[in-house]
N, C-alpha and C. Protein backbone atom coordinates (compact mmCIF):
# COMPACT_ATOMS: atom_id res chain seq x y z
N MET A 1 160.87 179.58 142.23
CA MET A 1 160.81 179.25 140.82
C MET A 1 161.35 177.85 140.57
N ILE A 2 162.48 177.53 141.18
CA ILE A 2 163.08 176.21 140.99
C ILE A 2 162.14 175.13 141.54
N GLY A 3 161.45 175.43 142.63
CA GLY A 3 160.50 174.48 143.22
C GLY A 3 159.36 174.17 142.26
N ARG A 4 158.85 175.19 141.57
CA ARG A 4 157.76 174.98 140.61
C ARG A 4 158.21 174.14 139.42
N ILE A 5 159.42 174.40 138.95
CA ILE A 5 159.97 173.63 137.83
C ILE A 5 160.15 172.17 138.25
N SER A 6 160.66 171.96 139.45
CA SER A 6 160.86 170.59 139.95
C SER A 6 159.53 169.85 140.05
N ILE A 7 158.51 170.54 140.54
CA ILE A 7 157.19 169.91 140.66
C ILE A 7 156.63 169.58 139.27
N ALA A 8 156.79 170.51 138.33
CA ALA A 8 156.31 170.28 136.96
C ALA A 8 157.03 169.10 136.31
N LEU A 9 158.34 169.02 136.50
CA LEU A 9 159.11 167.91 135.93
C LEU A 9 158.71 166.58 136.58
N ALA A 10 158.51 166.60 137.88
CA ALA A 10 158.10 165.38 138.58
C ALA A 10 156.72 164.92 138.11
N ALA A 11 155.81 165.86 137.93
CA ALA A 11 154.46 165.52 137.45
C ALA A 11 154.52 164.96 136.03
N ALA A 12 155.35 165.55 135.18
CA ALA A 12 155.49 165.06 133.81
C ALA A 12 156.06 163.64 133.79
N ALA A 13 157.08 163.41 134.61
CA ALA A 13 157.68 162.07 134.67
C ALA A 13 156.68 161.06 135.19
N LEU A 14 155.91 161.42 136.18
CA LEU A 14 154.90 160.53 136.73
C LEU A 14 153.83 160.22 135.68
N GLY A 15 153.42 161.25 134.96
CA GLY A 15 152.41 161.06 133.91
C GLY A 15 152.90 160.13 132.81
N MET A 16 154.17 160.28 132.40
CA MET A 16 154.72 159.39 131.37
C MET A 16 154.82 157.96 131.89
N GLY A 17 155.15 157.80 133.15
CA GLY A 17 155.24 156.46 133.73
C GLY A 17 153.90 155.76 133.72
N PHE A 18 152.84 156.46 134.08
CA PHE A 18 151.50 155.87 134.07
C PHE A 18 150.99 155.61 132.67
N SER A 19 151.32 156.49 131.73
CA SER A 19 150.80 156.31 130.37
C SER A 19 151.37 155.05 129.74
N GLY A 20 152.62 154.73 130.02
CA GLY A 20 153.20 153.49 129.48
C GLY A 20 152.53 152.26 130.05
N ALA A 21 152.27 152.27 131.35
CA ALA A 21 151.63 151.13 131.99
C ALA A 21 150.20 150.96 131.49
N LEU A 22 149.50 152.06 131.31
CA LEU A 22 148.12 151.97 130.86
C LEU A 22 148.01 151.51 129.42
N SER A 23 148.90 151.97 128.57
CA SER A 23 148.82 151.57 127.17
C SER A 23 149.29 150.14 126.97
N ALA A 24 150.07 149.60 127.89
CA ALA A 24 150.56 148.24 127.76
C ALA A 24 149.47 147.21 128.03
N HIS A 25 148.46 147.57 128.81
CA HIS A 25 147.42 146.63 129.15
C HIS A 25 146.23 146.83 128.23
N HIS A 26 145.61 145.74 127.83
CA HIS A 26 144.49 145.83 126.90
C HIS A 26 143.16 145.77 127.63
N SER A 27 142.17 146.28 126.98
CA SER A 27 140.81 146.22 127.50
C SER A 27 140.23 144.85 127.18
N THR A 28 139.52 144.25 128.13
CA THR A 28 138.89 142.96 127.83
C THR A 28 137.82 143.12 126.76
N ALA A 29 137.19 144.29 126.70
CA ALA A 29 136.17 144.54 125.69
C ALA A 29 136.77 144.56 124.29
N ALA A 30 138.06 144.84 124.18
CA ALA A 30 138.71 144.86 122.88
C ALA A 30 138.90 143.46 122.32
N GLU A 31 139.01 142.46 123.17
CA GLU A 31 139.28 141.10 122.72
C GLU A 31 138.11 140.14 122.89
N PHE A 32 137.29 140.33 123.94
CA PHE A 32 136.24 139.37 124.24
C PHE A 32 134.86 139.98 123.98
N ASP A 33 133.93 139.12 123.58
CA ASP A 33 132.60 139.55 123.17
C ASP A 33 131.56 139.15 124.23
N ARG A 34 130.94 140.14 124.87
CA ARG A 34 129.94 139.87 125.90
C ARG A 34 128.74 139.09 125.36
N SER A 35 128.52 139.14 124.07
CA SER A 35 127.39 138.41 123.49
C SER A 35 127.75 136.96 123.16
N LYS A 36 128.97 136.53 123.51
CA LYS A 36 129.41 135.16 123.25
C LYS A 36 129.82 134.44 124.54
N PRO A 37 128.89 134.31 125.51
CA PRO A 37 129.26 133.56 126.72
C PRO A 37 129.45 132.09 126.37
N ILE A 38 130.31 131.43 127.14
CA ILE A 38 130.58 130.01 126.91
C ILE A 38 130.77 129.32 128.25
N THR A 39 130.27 128.09 128.34
CA THR A 39 130.50 127.24 129.50
C THR A 39 130.88 125.87 128.97
N PHE A 40 131.94 125.29 129.52
CA PHE A 40 132.36 123.96 129.10
C PHE A 40 133.05 123.26 130.26
N THR A 41 133.10 121.94 130.17
CA THR A 41 133.79 121.12 131.17
C THR A 41 134.88 120.35 130.45
N GLY A 42 136.06 120.33 131.05
CA GLY A 42 137.18 119.64 130.44
C GLY A 42 138.26 119.36 131.45
N THR A 43 139.42 118.97 130.94
CA THR A 43 140.55 118.58 131.77
C THR A 43 141.68 119.59 131.60
N VAL A 44 142.30 119.97 132.71
CA VAL A 44 143.43 120.90 132.67
C VAL A 44 144.58 120.21 131.97
N LYS A 45 145.05 120.83 130.90
CA LYS A 45 146.16 120.30 130.13
C LYS A 45 147.47 120.98 130.51
N LYS A 46 147.39 122.31 130.78
CA LYS A 46 148.59 123.07 131.12
C LYS A 46 148.17 124.37 131.80
N VAL A 47 149.00 124.83 132.76
CA VAL A 47 148.80 126.12 133.40
C VAL A 47 150.09 126.91 133.22
N GLN A 48 149.98 128.09 132.61
CA GLN A 48 151.15 128.92 132.36
C GLN A 48 151.05 130.20 133.19
N TRP A 49 152.05 130.43 134.04
CA TRP A 49 152.11 131.67 134.81
C TRP A 49 153.02 132.62 134.04
N LEU A 50 152.41 133.46 133.22
CA LEU A 50 153.14 134.41 132.38
C LEU A 50 152.65 135.81 132.69
N ASN A 51 153.47 136.81 132.42
CA ASN A 51 153.02 138.19 132.50
C ASN A 51 152.50 138.59 131.14
N PRO A 52 151.42 139.31 131.03
CA PRO A 52 150.70 139.98 132.09
C PRO A 52 149.56 139.14 132.68
N HIS A 53 149.30 137.91 132.18
CA HIS A 53 148.20 137.08 132.67
C HIS A 53 148.66 135.63 132.73
N ILE A 54 147.96 134.84 133.57
CA ILE A 54 148.18 133.41 133.51
C ILE A 54 147.23 132.84 132.46
N TYR A 55 147.56 131.68 131.94
CA TYR A 55 146.71 131.00 130.96
C TYR A 55 146.55 129.55 131.38
N THR A 56 145.32 129.09 131.38
CA THR A 56 145.02 127.70 131.69
C THR A 56 144.48 127.06 130.42
N HIS A 57 145.12 126.01 129.99
CA HIS A 57 144.71 125.30 128.78
C HIS A 57 143.80 124.15 129.19
N ILE A 58 142.57 124.16 128.69
CA ILE A 58 141.56 123.17 129.06
C ILE A 58 141.21 122.34 127.83
N GLU A 59 141.39 121.03 127.94
CA GLU A 59 141.07 120.12 126.84
C GLU A 59 139.64 119.62 126.99
N VAL A 60 138.86 119.79 125.92
CA VAL A 60 137.44 119.43 125.91
C VAL A 60 137.17 118.48 124.76
N LYS A 61 136.38 117.45 125.01
CA LYS A 61 135.95 116.53 123.94
C LYS A 61 134.72 117.12 123.27
N SER A 62 134.75 117.26 121.96
CA SER A 62 133.60 117.80 121.24
C SER A 62 132.62 116.67 120.92
N ALA A 63 131.46 117.02 120.42
CA ALA A 63 130.41 116.05 120.12
C ALA A 63 130.86 115.00 119.10
N ASP A 64 131.74 115.40 118.18
CA ASP A 64 132.20 114.45 117.16
C ASP A 64 133.39 113.60 117.61
N GLY A 65 133.81 113.76 118.86
CA GLY A 65 134.90 112.95 119.41
C GLY A 65 136.27 113.60 119.32
N SER A 66 136.38 114.69 118.59
CA SER A 66 137.67 115.37 118.50
C SER A 66 137.91 116.17 119.79
N THR A 67 139.13 116.60 119.98
CA THR A 67 139.44 117.40 121.17
C THR A 67 139.70 118.85 120.78
N ILE A 68 139.28 119.73 121.65
CA ILE A 68 139.49 121.16 121.50
C ILE A 68 140.25 121.60 122.75
N VAL A 69 141.23 122.47 122.57
CA VAL A 69 141.94 123.01 123.73
C VAL A 69 141.69 124.52 123.78
N TYR A 70 140.93 124.93 124.80
CA TYR A 70 140.65 126.34 125.03
C TYR A 70 141.78 126.94 125.84
N ARG A 71 142.10 128.18 125.56
CA ARG A 71 143.13 128.93 126.30
C ARG A 71 142.39 129.97 127.14
N VAL A 72 142.33 129.72 128.45
CA VAL A 72 141.56 130.56 129.36
C VAL A 72 142.49 131.57 130.02
N GLU A 73 142.19 132.85 129.80
CA GLU A 73 143.01 133.92 130.37
C GLU A 73 142.61 134.19 131.80
N GLY A 74 143.61 134.29 132.67
CA GLY A 74 143.36 134.59 134.08
C GLY A 74 143.98 135.92 134.46
N GLY A 75 144.06 136.17 135.74
CA GLY A 75 144.60 137.42 136.25
C GLY A 75 146.12 137.49 136.18
N PRO A 76 146.69 138.60 136.61
CA PRO A 76 148.14 138.75 136.63
C PRO A 76 148.76 137.84 137.69
N PRO A 77 149.89 137.19 137.37
CA PRO A 77 150.51 136.27 138.33
C PRO A 77 150.82 136.91 139.68
N ASN A 78 151.31 138.14 139.69
CA ASN A 78 151.67 138.78 140.95
C ASN A 78 150.44 138.99 141.84
N ALA A 79 149.35 139.42 141.25
CA ALA A 79 148.12 139.63 142.03
C ALA A 79 147.60 138.30 142.57
N LEU A 80 147.62 137.26 141.74
CA LEU A 80 147.14 135.94 142.19
C LEU A 80 148.04 135.41 143.30
N TYR A 81 149.34 135.60 143.17
CA TYR A 81 150.28 135.15 144.19
C TYR A 81 150.00 135.84 145.52
N ARG A 82 149.76 137.16 145.48
CA ARG A 82 149.48 137.90 146.71
C ARG A 82 148.17 137.45 147.35
N GLN A 83 147.25 136.92 146.54
CA GLN A 83 145.98 136.42 147.07
C GLN A 83 146.10 135.00 147.62
N GLY A 84 147.27 134.39 147.46
CA GLY A 84 147.48 133.06 148.03
C GLY A 84 147.53 131.94 147.01
N TRP A 85 147.31 132.23 145.74
CA TRP A 85 147.36 131.19 144.72
C TRP A 85 148.81 130.92 144.34
N ARG A 86 149.10 129.69 143.97
CA ARG A 86 150.45 129.30 143.56
C ARG A 86 150.36 128.56 142.23
N MET A 87 151.52 128.35 141.60
CA MET A 87 151.57 127.68 140.31
C MET A 87 150.93 126.29 140.36
N ASP A 88 150.98 125.65 141.51
CA ASP A 88 150.44 124.29 141.62
C ASP A 88 149.04 124.26 142.25
N SER A 89 148.37 125.41 142.33
CA SER A 89 147.02 125.43 142.90
C SER A 89 146.01 124.69 142.03
N LEU A 90 146.29 124.60 140.76
CA LEU A 90 145.43 123.86 139.83
C LEU A 90 146.32 122.85 139.12
N LYS A 91 146.06 121.59 139.34
CA LYS A 91 146.93 120.52 138.82
C LYS A 91 146.50 120.07 137.42
N VAL A 92 147.48 119.71 136.62
CA VAL A 92 147.21 119.12 135.31
C VAL A 92 146.46 117.81 135.52
N GLY A 93 145.45 117.58 134.70
CA GLY A 93 144.65 116.35 134.77
C GLY A 93 143.36 116.50 135.55
N VAL A 94 143.17 117.62 136.26
CA VAL A 94 141.96 117.85 137.04
C VAL A 94 140.82 118.26 136.12
N GLN A 95 139.63 117.76 136.40
CA GLN A 95 138.46 118.15 135.62
C GLN A 95 137.89 119.44 136.18
N VAL A 96 137.58 120.40 135.30
CA VAL A 96 137.05 121.71 135.71
C VAL A 96 135.91 122.12 134.78
N THR A 97 135.12 123.06 135.28
CA THR A 97 134.10 123.70 134.46
C THR A 97 134.48 125.16 134.34
N VAL A 98 134.42 125.68 133.12
CA VAL A 98 134.80 127.06 132.84
C VAL A 98 133.59 127.81 132.31
N THR A 99 133.38 129.01 132.84
CA THR A 99 132.37 129.93 132.33
C THR A 99 133.08 131.23 132.01
N GLY A 100 132.91 131.73 130.79
CA GLY A 100 133.60 132.96 130.41
C GLY A 100 133.04 133.53 129.13
N LEU A 101 133.86 134.35 128.48
CA LEU A 101 133.46 134.98 127.23
C LEU A 101 134.41 134.56 126.11
N ARG A 102 133.84 134.23 124.97
CA ARG A 102 134.65 133.88 123.79
C ARG A 102 135.30 135.13 123.23
N ALA A 103 136.37 134.91 122.50
CA ALA A 103 137.04 136.00 121.80
C ALA A 103 136.15 136.51 120.68
N LYS A 104 136.35 137.76 120.29
CA LYS A 104 135.59 138.33 119.18
C LYS A 104 135.91 137.61 117.87
N ASN A 105 137.14 137.15 117.73
CA ASN A 105 137.56 136.41 116.54
C ASN A 105 136.99 134.99 116.63
N ASP A 106 136.10 134.63 115.72
CA ASP A 106 135.43 133.33 115.76
C ASP A 106 136.39 132.15 115.67
N ALA A 107 137.55 132.35 115.06
CA ALA A 107 138.51 131.26 114.91
C ALA A 107 139.33 131.03 116.19
N SER A 108 139.27 131.97 117.11
CA SER A 108 140.08 131.89 118.33
C SER A 108 139.43 130.98 119.37
N LEU A 109 140.25 130.25 120.09
CA LEU A 109 139.80 129.42 121.21
C LEU A 109 140.19 130.06 122.54
N HIS A 110 140.34 131.36 122.52
CA HIS A 110 140.72 132.14 123.69
C HIS A 110 139.45 132.52 124.46
N VAL A 111 139.47 132.33 125.79
CA VAL A 111 138.33 132.63 126.65
C VAL A 111 138.80 133.60 127.73
N GLY A 112 138.02 134.64 127.98
CA GLY A 112 138.39 135.63 128.98
C GLY A 112 137.29 135.86 129.99
N GLN A 113 137.61 136.66 131.00
CA GLN A 113 136.70 136.96 132.10
C GLN A 113 136.06 135.66 132.60
N ALA A 114 136.90 134.68 132.82
CA ALA A 114 136.43 133.33 133.12
C ALA A 114 136.45 133.00 134.60
N THR A 115 135.57 132.08 134.96
CA THR A 115 135.55 131.46 136.27
C THR A 115 135.86 129.99 136.05
N ILE A 116 136.86 129.50 136.76
CA ILE A 116 137.23 128.08 136.68
C ILE A 116 136.81 127.43 137.99
N THR A 117 136.00 126.37 137.89
CA THR A 117 135.50 125.68 139.08
C THR A 117 135.87 124.21 139.00
N THR A 118 136.46 123.68 140.08
CA THR A 118 136.83 122.27 140.11
C THR A 118 135.59 121.41 140.38
N ALA A 119 135.72 120.11 140.22
CA ALA A 119 134.59 119.18 140.40
C ALA A 119 134.02 119.25 141.82
N ASP A 120 134.86 119.61 142.81
CA ASP A 120 134.36 119.71 144.19
C ASP A 120 133.81 121.10 144.53
N GLY A 121 133.68 121.98 143.52
CA GLY A 121 133.06 123.28 143.71
C GLY A 121 134.00 124.42 144.07
N LYS A 122 135.28 124.16 144.12
CA LYS A 122 136.27 125.20 144.47
C LYS A 122 136.53 126.09 143.25
N ARG A 123 136.38 127.41 143.45
CA ARG A 123 136.69 128.37 142.38
C ARG A 123 138.19 128.64 142.43
N VAL A 124 138.85 128.46 141.30
CA VAL A 124 140.30 128.56 141.24
C VAL A 124 140.72 129.88 140.60
N PHE A 125 141.75 130.50 141.16
CA PHE A 125 142.33 131.76 140.70
C PHE A 125 141.31 132.89 140.77
N ALA A 126 140.41 132.83 141.75
CA ALA A 126 139.42 133.90 141.94
C ALA A 126 139.38 134.25 143.42
N GLY A 127 139.67 135.49 143.75
CA GLY A 127 139.66 135.89 145.16
C GLY A 127 140.82 135.26 145.91
N THR A 128 140.74 135.23 147.21
CA THR A 128 141.81 134.68 148.05
C THR A 128 141.74 133.16 148.07
N ALA A 129 142.88 132.52 147.96
CA ALA A 129 142.95 131.06 147.97
C ALA A 129 142.43 130.52 149.29
N PRO A 130 141.70 129.39 149.26
CA PRO A 130 141.12 128.84 150.48
C PRO A 130 142.16 128.44 151.53
N ASP A 131 143.38 128.10 151.10
CA ASP A 131 144.40 127.70 152.07
C ASP A 131 145.36 128.85 152.38
N HIS A 132 144.98 130.08 152.03
CA HIS A 132 145.81 131.24 152.30
C HIS A 132 145.91 131.48 153.81
N PRO A 133 147.09 131.83 154.33
CA PRO A 133 147.25 132.03 155.78
C PRO A 133 146.26 133.04 156.37
N ALA A 134 145.82 134.01 155.59
CA ALA A 134 144.86 135.00 156.11
C ALA A 134 143.53 134.37 156.45
N LEU A 135 143.23 133.21 155.88
CA LEU A 135 141.96 132.54 156.14
C LEU A 135 142.06 131.47 157.21
N GLN A 136 143.27 131.22 157.69
CA GLN A 136 143.47 130.19 158.70
C GLN A 136 143.15 130.72 160.09
N PRO A 137 142.61 129.86 160.99
CA PRO A 137 142.29 130.32 162.36
C PRO A 137 143.52 130.67 163.17
């Protein structure tokens, strides 16, 4: 009897632990609109390694000469770090092309589910870093 109660309590505690983690993370579909794809080229202004996601700020010149700074959401810092990416993997001042989805809010400059590609064709913060020890001979 005590064994069954212990198992039930352990299962309940485990369930509560997972429910908090799941509710803390948002769905990309809740914030980003699949019908609003965007591609732009600009200069890295800032890279922020924050939890639960990193953010890369990309400065773009608009047609009228003004500047726009998009906030591109990336993966979780811990996952990117384990894949070999580091805070300095993308340097401020580098020109990049971004393809992603605009936020549902038309006033927002937030971009999600993005691919960031440098001028030399390197995809940044996606998959394992090219200089990761696992890829070295």
